[in-house]
C-alpha atoms as a PDB file:
ATOM      1  CA  MET A   1      -2.825 -38.259 -12.746  1.00  0.00           C
ATOM      2  CA  ALA A   2       0.734 -37.035 -12.293  1.00  0.00           C
ATOM      3  CA  PHE A   3       0.200 -34.325 -14.905  1.00  0.00           C
ATOM      4  CA  GLY A   4      -2.753 -32.886 -12.994  1.00  0.00           C
ATOM      5  CA  TYR A   5      -0.721 -32.846  -9.773  1.00  0.00           C
ATOM      6  CA  ALA A   6       2.168 -31.027 -11.473  1.00  0.00           C
ATOM      7  CA  ARG A   7      -0.191 -28.459 -12.931  1.00  0.00           C
ATOM      8  CA  GLY A   8      -1.742 -27.943  -9.499  1.00  0.00           C
ATOM      9  CA  MET A   9       1.662 -27.460  -7.898  1.00  0.00           C
ATOM     10  CA  ALA A  10       2.599 -24.945 -10.597  1.00  0.00           C
ATOM     11  CA  GLY A  11      -0.517 -22.970  -9.676  1.00  0.00           C
ATOM     12  CA  VAL A  12       0.397 -23.040  -5.995  1.00  0.00           C
ATOM     13  CA  ILE A  13       3.947 -21.957  -6.733  1.00  0.00           C
ATOM     14  CA  SER A  14       2.679 -19.141  -8.976  1.00  0.00           C
ATOM     15  CA  PHE A  15       0.336 -17.992  -6.225  1.00  0.00           C
ATOM     16  CA  VAL A  16       3.116 -17.972  -3.619  1.00  0.00           C
ATOM     17  CA  VAL A  17       5.520 -16.098  -5.906  1.00  0.00           C
ATOM     18  CA  MET A  18       2.872 -13.537  -6.843  1.00  0.00           C
ATOM     19  CA  THR A  19       1.904 -12.966  -3.206  1.00  0.00           C
ATOM     20  CA  ALA A  20       5.538 -12.609  -2.149  1.00  0.00           C
ATOM     21  CA  SER A  21       6.224 -10.126  -4.947  1.00  0.00           C
ATOM     22  CA  MET A  22       3.200  -8.014  -3.958  1.00  0.00           C
ATOM     23  CA  LEU A  23       4.402  -7.973  -0.359  1.00  0.00           C
ATOM     24  CA  VAL A  24       7.888  -6.872  -1.425  1.00  0.00           C
ATOM     25  CA  ILE A  25       6.511  -4.118  -3.665  1.00  0.00           C
ATOM     26  CA  GLY A  26       4.201  -2.923  -0.884  1.00  0.00           C
ATOM     27  CA  TRP A  27       7.066  -2.839   1.588  1.00  0.00           C
ATOM     28  CA  LEU A  28       9.271  -0.896  -0.862  1.00  0.00           C
ATOM     29  CA  VAL A  29       6.545   1.699  -1.456  1.00  0.00           C
ATOM     30  CA  TRP A  30       5.833   1.986   2.276  1.00  0.00           C
ATOM     31  CA  SER A  31       9.511   2.445   3.176  1.00  0.00           C
ATOM     32  CA  ARG A  32       9.955   5.061   0.423  1.00  0.00           C
ATOM     33  CA  LEU A  33       6.957   7.019   1.690  1.00  0.00           C
ATOM     34  CA  GLN A  34       8.234   6.826   5.271  1.00  0.00           C
ATOM     35  CA  ARG A  35      11.576   8.293   4.199  1.00  0.00           C
ATOM     36  CA  GLN A  36       9.881  11.012   2.181  1.00  0.00           C
ATOM     37  CA  GLU A  37       7.563  11.963   5.058  1.00  0.00           C
ATOM     38  CA  ALA A  38      10.423  12.028   7.555  1.00  0.00           C
ATOM     39  CA  GLY A  39      12.302  14.515   5.379  1.00  0.00           C
ATOM     40  CA  ASP A  40       9.286  16.794   4.882  1.00  0.00           C
ATOM     41  CA  GLU A  41       8.908  19.229   7.766  1.00  0.00           C
ATOM     42  CA  ASP A  42       5.613  20.685   6.507  1.00  0.00           C
ATOM     43  CA  PHE A  43       3.966  17.298   5.973  1.00  0.00           C
ATOM     44  CA  GLN A  44       2.049  17.127   9.264  1.00  0.00           C
ATOM     45  CA  ARG A  45       0.850  20.715   8.900  1.00  0.00           C
ATOM     46  CA  ARG A  46      -0.501  19.959   5.394  1.00  0.00           C
ATOM     47  CA  ILE A  47      -2.239  16.811   6.655  1.00  0.00           C
ATOM     48  CA  ASP A  48      -3.830  18.743   9.520  1.00  0.00           C
ATOM     49  CA  ASP A  49      -4.967  21.501   7.141  1.00  0.00           C
ATOM     50  CA  ASP A  50      -6.459  18.930   4.776  1.00  0.00           C
ATOM     51  CA  GLU A  51      -8.295  17.182   7.627  1.00  0.00           C
ATOM     52  CA  GLU A  52      -9.708  20.520   8.781  1.00  0.00           C
ATOM     53  CA  ARG A  53     -10.953  21.331   5.238  1.00  0.00           C
ATOM     54  CA  ALA A  54     -12.542  17.881   4.981  1.00  0.00           C
ATOM     55  CA  ARG A  55     -14.245  18.276   8.373  1.00  0.00           C
ATOM     56  CA  ARG A  56     -15.651  21.665   7.381  1.00  0.00           C
ATOM     57  CA  GLY A  57     -16.882  20.163   4.094  1.00  0.00           C
ATOM     58  CA  ARG A  58     -18.622  17.293   5.904  1.00  0.00           C
ATOM     59  CA  GLU A  59     -20.313  19.728   8.256  1.00  0.00           C
ATOM     60  CA  GLY A  60     -21.335  21.984   5.378  1.00  0.00           C
ATOM     61  CA  ARG A  61     -19.437  24.993   6.693  1.00  0.00           C
ATOM     62  CA  GLU A  62     -17.159  25.576   3.709  1.00  0.00           C
END
């Protein structure tokens, strides 16, 4: 009985560690992208241009 409980706790601990590591990696990627976007003056213009091309493509006017 005790062995099954220990194995179950190991699974819970593994799940918590894996979830925490994914959150940390996601936060690191997000913060890196935020810094990169803040330093790129043409970023918003490129996003707007891309959105306009996508809108024209959806409407069949390209």
